[in-house]
Amino acid sequence: MLFFNKNISPKDFFPANSVDMHSHILPGIDDGAKTIDDSILLIEQLSSFGITNFRVTPHVLGGVWENSSEIIKEKEALLRKELDARGMQHINLHAAAEYLMDSLFSKRLADDDILPLKDNYILVEMSFLNPPINLDEILFEIQLKGYRPVLAHPERYLFYHQDFSKYEKLIQAGCLLQLNLFSIANHYGKDVGKVAHQLLKKNMYTFVGTDIHKERHLPIIKQLATKNNKKLLTPLFENNSNTFSF
């Protein structure tokens, strides 16, 4: 497992021009930031760590957070206005979404109503209970529409833990895998941390995101800021910057 020794400053942990490509910092839209002040607090703290580029990804989940593209863009504009009012023009912000691969997503995909991370990359997730029955069909439809699916936090899908060939099949099916930064701190449990480490060792991840929701997540970043973790994660940080820069 990973050892959290030789701590360094978070500003030294994240490379210059880092991009957080998975976060829940838009206000009052899902289980992330509740108010505009919550959003600003998270951005201020992450900015102090050296992250000033954000691809924000609120949940889109049928029956729970059925956020339309219009609502997401309205929240983005609201946050951008507040950032400007506070003299935080150095913050780059772009609203995308984290789409649960359900019937609502399939309809929006068919209607070309998708907010990509950038270009043709879209962030998708599965239920934590089980994968979609028609997963292969959904992944095929995503790519048929010209998109590249980025699968959020695959290490958190417990139903894949006993069969790593399932992860290999996802990659073969065109998925790019995104690590949740907090997973390697065992924030979601030791089993998730162990699998995240194994996927890292096998070079199966392409990107990394914080998936930050709350203020209480911020101290975890300080815990993770070590020389060992920087060496391990720098290739993913660089992929983020190369792919999702502003």
Protein backbone atom coordinates (compact mmCIF):
# COMPACT_ATOMS: atom_id res chain seq x y z
CA MET A 1 0.00 0.00 0.00
CA LEU A 2 0.97 3.66 -0.15
CA PHE A 3 2.91 5.30 2.65
CA PHE A 4 2.08 8.84 3.61
CA ASN A 5 5.55 10.02 4.71
CA LYS A 6 7.71 12.96 3.64
CA ASN A 7 4.86 15.40 3.35
CA ILE A 8 5.29 18.35 1.01
CA SER A 9 3.29 21.49 0.42
CA PRO A 10 0.13 20.92 -1.66
CA LYS A 11 1.45 23.67 -3.98
CA ASP A 12 4.48 21.47 -4.63
CA PHE A 13 2.30 18.38 -4.96
CA PHE A 14 0.22 19.63 -7.89
CA PRO A 15 2.08 20.61 -11.09
CA ALA A 16 1.69 24.07 -12.57
CA ASN A 17 -1.52 24.51 -14.58
CA SER A 18 -3.19 21.55 -12.87
CA VAL A 19 -6.77 20.85 -13.88
CA ASP A 20 -9.29 19.30 -11.52
CA MET A 21 -11.50 17.50 -14.01
CA HIS A 22 -14.03 16.07 -11.52
CA SER A 23 -15.59 18.14 -8.76
CA HIS A 24 -18.93 19.10 -7.25
CA ILE A 25 -18.40 22.77 -6.51
CA LEU A 26 -21.38 24.31 -8.32
CA PRO A 27 -23.78 25.60 -5.65
CA GLY A 28 -27.09 24.00 -4.75
CA ILE A 29 -27.28 21.53 -7.60
CA ASP A 30 -26.39 18.12 -6.12
CA ASP A 31 -24.75 16.63 -3.01
CA GLY A 32 -21.75 18.95 -3.32
CA ALA A 33 -21.52 22.64 -2.43
CA LYS A 34 -24.83 23.88 -1.03
CA THR A 35 -24.35 27.64 -1.28
CA ILE A 36 -22.31 30.08 -3.33
CA ASP A 37 -20.18 30.70 -0.23
CA ASP A 38 -19.46 26.96 -0.01
CA SER A 39 -18.35 27.03 -3.64
CA ILE A 40 -16.06 30.01 -3.10
CA LEU A 41 -14.52 28.46 0.03
CA LEU A 42 -13.65 25.26 -1.85
CA ILE A 43 -12.23 27.19 -4.81
CA GLU A 44 -10.19 29.49 -2.56
CA GLN A 45 -8.66 26.56 -0.72
CA LEU A 46 -7.96 24.55 -3.86
CA SER A 47 -6.48 27.66 -5.44
CA SER A 48 -4.14 27.98 -2.44
CA PHE A 49 -2.98 24.44 -3.29
CA GLY A 50 -2.21 25.55 -6.84
CA ILE A 51 -5.38 24.38 -8.61
CA THR A 52 -7.04 27.21 -10.53
CA ASN A 53 -8.54 25.25 -13.44
CA PHE A 54 -11.83 23.44 -12.88
CA ARG A 55 -13.98 21.24 -15.09
CA VAL A 56 -16.97 21.09 -12.76
CA THR A 57 -19.14 17.99 -12.96
CA PRO A 58 -22.47 18.01 -11.09
CA HIS A 59 -24.42 14.77 -10.99
CA VAL A 60 -27.05 14.01 -13.61
CA LEU A 61 -29.03 11.08 -12.25
CA GLY A 62 -32.60 10.16 -13.11
CA GLY A 63 -35.07 10.52 -10.22
CA VAL A 64 -32.51 12.23 -7.96
CA TRP A 65 -30.60 15.03 -9.71
CA GLU A 66 -32.19 15.46 -13.12
CA ASN A 67 -30.10 18.52 -13.83
CA SER A 68 -30.72 19.87 -17.31
CA SER A 69 -27.87 21.33 -19.32
CA GLU A 70 -29.57 24.73 -18.95
CA ILE A 71 -29.66 24.52 -15.15
CA ILE A 72 -26.00 23.50 -15.01
CA LYS A 73 -24.98 26.37 -17.27
CA GLU A 74 -27.04 28.81 -15.18
CA LYS A 75 -25.21 27.69 -12.03
CA GLU A 76 -21.90 28.04 -13.85
CA ALA A 77 -22.79 31.62 -14.83
CA LEU A 78 -23.85 32.41 -11.26
CA LEU A 79 -20.55 31.13 -9.85
CA ARG A 80 -18.53 32.88 -12.55
CA LYS A 81 -20.26 36.18 -11.72
CA GLU A 82 -19.43 35.75 -8.03
CA LEU A 83 -15.81 34.90 -8.79
CA ASP A 84 -15.52 38.04 -10.89
CA ALA A 85 -17.12 40.15 -8.15
CA ARG A 86 -14.51 38.87 -5.70
CA GLY A 87 -11.62 39.61 -8.03
CA MET A 88 -10.94 35.92 -8.75
CA GLN A 89 -10.64 36.24 -12.52
CA HIS A 90 -7.62 33.91 -12.44
CA ILE A 91 -9.97 30.97 -11.86
CA ASN A 92 -10.87 29.04 -15.00
CA LEU A 93 -14.24 27.33 -14.85
CA HIS A 94 -16.10 25.11 -17.28
CA ALA A 95 -19.33 23.25 -16.52
CA ALA A 96 -19.68 19.66 -17.67
CA ALA A 97 -21.53 16.88 -15.85
CA GLU A 98 -21.09 13.46 -14.29
CA TYR A 99 -23.69 11.29 -16.01
CA LEU A 100 -25.04 8.13 -14.45
CA MET A 101 -25.42 5.67 -17.30
CA ASP A 102 -29.19 5.26 -16.95
CA SER A 103 -32.23 5.79 -19.16
CA LEU A 104 -32.10 9.57 -18.67
CA PHE A 105 -28.53 9.62 -19.93
CA SER A 106 -29.42 7.43 -22.92
CA LYS A 107 -32.19 9.87 -23.88
CA ARG A 108 -29.91 12.90 -23.56
CA LEU A 109 -27.25 11.14 -25.57
CA ALA A 110 -29.79 10.40 -28.31
CA ASP A 111 -30.91 14.06 -28.21
CA ASP A 112 -27.32 15.37 -28.36
CA ASP A 113 -27.92 17.08 -25.01
CA ILE A 114 -24.52 16.41 -23.43
CA LEU A 115 -22.06 18.69 -21.64
CA PRO A 116 -18.56 17.31 -22.32
CA LEU A 117 -15.53 17.87 -20.13
CA LYS A 118 -13.78 19.23 -23.20
CA ASP A 119 -13.99 18.40 -26.89
CA ASN A 120 -15.51 14.91 -27.06
CA TYR A 121 -14.67 13.63 -23.54
CA ILE A 122 -17.66 12.96 -21.27
CA LEU A 123 -17.64 11.84 -17.63
CA VAL A 124 -19.85 8.88 -16.82
CA GLU A 125 -20.46 6.73 -13.77
CA MET A 126 -22.32 3.58 -12.76
CA SER A 127 -24.53 2.71 -9.84
CA PHE A 128 -22.49 1.49 -6.88
CA LEU A 129 -24.82 -1.52 -6.66
CA ASN A 130 -24.31 -3.02 -10.11
CA PRO A 131 -23.31 -2.08 -13.66
CA PRO A 132 -25.99 -1.33 -16.25
CA ILE A 133 -27.38 -4.48 -17.81
CA ASN A 134 -26.77 -2.95 -21.24
CA LEU A 135 -23.36 -1.46 -20.41
CA ASP A 136 -21.72 -2.62 -23.64
CA GLU A 137 -24.56 -1.11 -25.67
CA ILE A 138 -24.31 2.23 -23.83
CA LEU A 139 -20.55 2.44 -24.32
CA PHE A 140 -21.02 1.64 -28.00
CA GLU A 141 -23.68 4.37 -28.36
CA ILE A 142 -21.44 6.92 -26.61
CA GLN A 143 -18.66 6.29 -29.10
CA LEU A 144 -21.05 6.07 -32.04
CA LYS A 145 -22.04 9.65 -31.14
CA GLY A 146 -18.39 10.62 -31.36
CA TYR A 147 -17.68 10.86 -27.62
CA ARG A 148 -14.95 9.28 -25.51
CA PRO A 149 -16.27 7.94 -22.18
CA VAL A 150 -14.25 8.72 -19.06
CA LEU A 151 -15.40 6.36 -16.30
CA ALA A 152 -15.38 8.04 -12.89
CA HIS A 153 -13.84 6.27 -9.88
CA PRO A 154 -13.80 2.65 -11.15
CA GLU A 155 -12.06 1.62 -7.93
CA ARG A 156 -15.31 2.33 -6.05
CA TYR A 157 -17.35 -0.29 -7.94
CA LEU A 158 -17.09 -3.18 -5.49
CA PHE A 159 -18.66 -5.62 -7.95
CA TYR A 160 -15.44 -5.49 -10.03
CA HIS A 161 -12.99 -6.01 -7.16
CA GLN A 162 -12.73 -9.77 -7.52
CA ASP A 163 -12.21 -9.80 -11.28
CA PHE A 164 -9.67 -7.36 -12.69
CA SER A 165 -10.39 -8.61 -16.19
CA LYS A 166 -13.58 -6.54 -15.99
CA TYR A 167 -11.44 -3.38 -15.79
CA GLU A 168 -9.41 -4.56 -18.77
CA LYS A 169 -12.63 -5.14 -20.73
CA LEU A 170 -13.79 -1.61 -19.91
CA ILE A 171 -10.57 -0.20 -21.34
CA GLN A 172 -10.85 -2.46 -24.38
CA ALA A 173 -14.41 -1.16 -24.84
CA GLY A 174 -13.05 2.38 -25.11
CA CYS A 175 -13.34 3.63 -21.51
CA LEU A 176 -10.68 5.86 -20.02
CA LEU A 177 -10.46 5.34 -16.27
CA GLN A 178 -10.39 8.25 -13.78
CA LEU A 179 -8.99 7.84 -10.28
CA ASN A 180 -10.61 9.62 -7.35
CA LEU A 181 -7.70 11.26 -5.56
CA PHE A 182 -9.19 10.54 -2.14
CA SER A 183 -9.40 6.81 -2.85
CA ILE A 184 -5.69 6.32 -2.21
CA ALA A 185 -6.15 7.84 1.26
CA ASN A 186 -8.69 5.07 2.01
CA HIS A 187 -11.42 7.72 2.26
CA TYR A 188 -13.93 5.27 0.77
CA GLY A 189 -12.55 2.29 2.69
CA LYS A 190 -9.45 0.14 2.69
CA ASP A 191 -10.70 -2.21 -0.03
CA VAL A 192 -11.24 0.72 -2.39
CA GLY A 193 -7.79 2.06 -1.51
CA LYS A 194 -6.22 -1.31 -2.22
CA VAL A 195 -7.87 -1.62 -5.62
CA ALA A 196 -6.93 1.98 -6.51
CA HIS A 197 -3.32 1.15 -5.73
CA GLN A 198 -3.48 -2.00 -7.87
CA LEU A 199 -4.99 -0.12 -10.81
CA LEU A 200 -2.29 2.53 -10.46
CA LYS A 201 0.42 -0.13 -10.42
CA LYS A 202 -1.01 -1.63 -13.61
CA ASN A 203 -1.09 1.84 -15.29
CA MET A 204 -4.80 1.46 -15.97
CA TYR A 205 -5.81 5.01 -15.09
CA THR A 206 -5.64 7.90 -17.55
CA PHE A 207 -6.90 10.79 -15.40
CA VAL A 208 -7.29 11.80 -11.76
CA GLY A 209 -9.88 14.10 -10.16
CA THR A 210 -10.59 15.18 -6.61
CA ASP A 211 -14.35 14.52 -6.80
CA ILE A 212 -14.47 17.07 -4.00
CA HIS A 213 -17.88 17.75 -2.44
CA LYS A 214 -17.34 19.29 0.98
CA GLU A 215 -14.98 21.40 3.06
CA ARG A 216 -14.14 18.31 5.12
CA HIS A 217 -12.44 16.82 2.07
CA LEU A 218 -9.75 19.52 2.01
CA PRO A 219 -7.52 18.11 4.80
CA ILE A 220 -7.27 14.83 2.87
CA ILE A 221 -5.33 16.65 0.15
CA LYS A 222 -2.77 17.80 2.71
CA GLN A 223 -2.46 14.20 3.91
CA LEU A 224 -1.89 12.97 0.37
CA ALA A 225 0.73 15.60 -0.49
CA THR A 226 3.88 13.48 -0.22
CA LYS A 227 6.89 12.94 -2.44
CA ASN A 228 5.92 9.32 -3.05
CA ASN A 229 2.38 10.17 -4.10
CA LYS A 230 3.56 13.03 -6.29
CA LYS A 231 5.84 10.66 -8.21
CA LEU A 232 3.01 8.15 -8.53
CA LEU A 233 0.36 10.63 -9.66
CA THR A 234 2.32 13.11 -11.78
CA PRO A 235 1.65 11.19 -15.05
CA LEU A 236 -2.10 11.47 -14.37
CA PHE A 237 -1.85 15.15 -13.41
CA GLU A 238 0.00 15.74 -16.68
CA ASN A 239 -2.68 13.86 -18.64
CA ASN A 240 -5.29 16.12 -17.03
CA SER A 241 -3.41 19.25 -18.08
CA ASN A 242 -2.64 18.02 -21.58
CA THR A 243 -6.24 16.97 -22.23
CA PHE A 244 -8.40 19.42 -20.27
CA SER A 245 -6.38 22.66 -20.21
CA PHE A 246 -8.10 25.98 -20.86
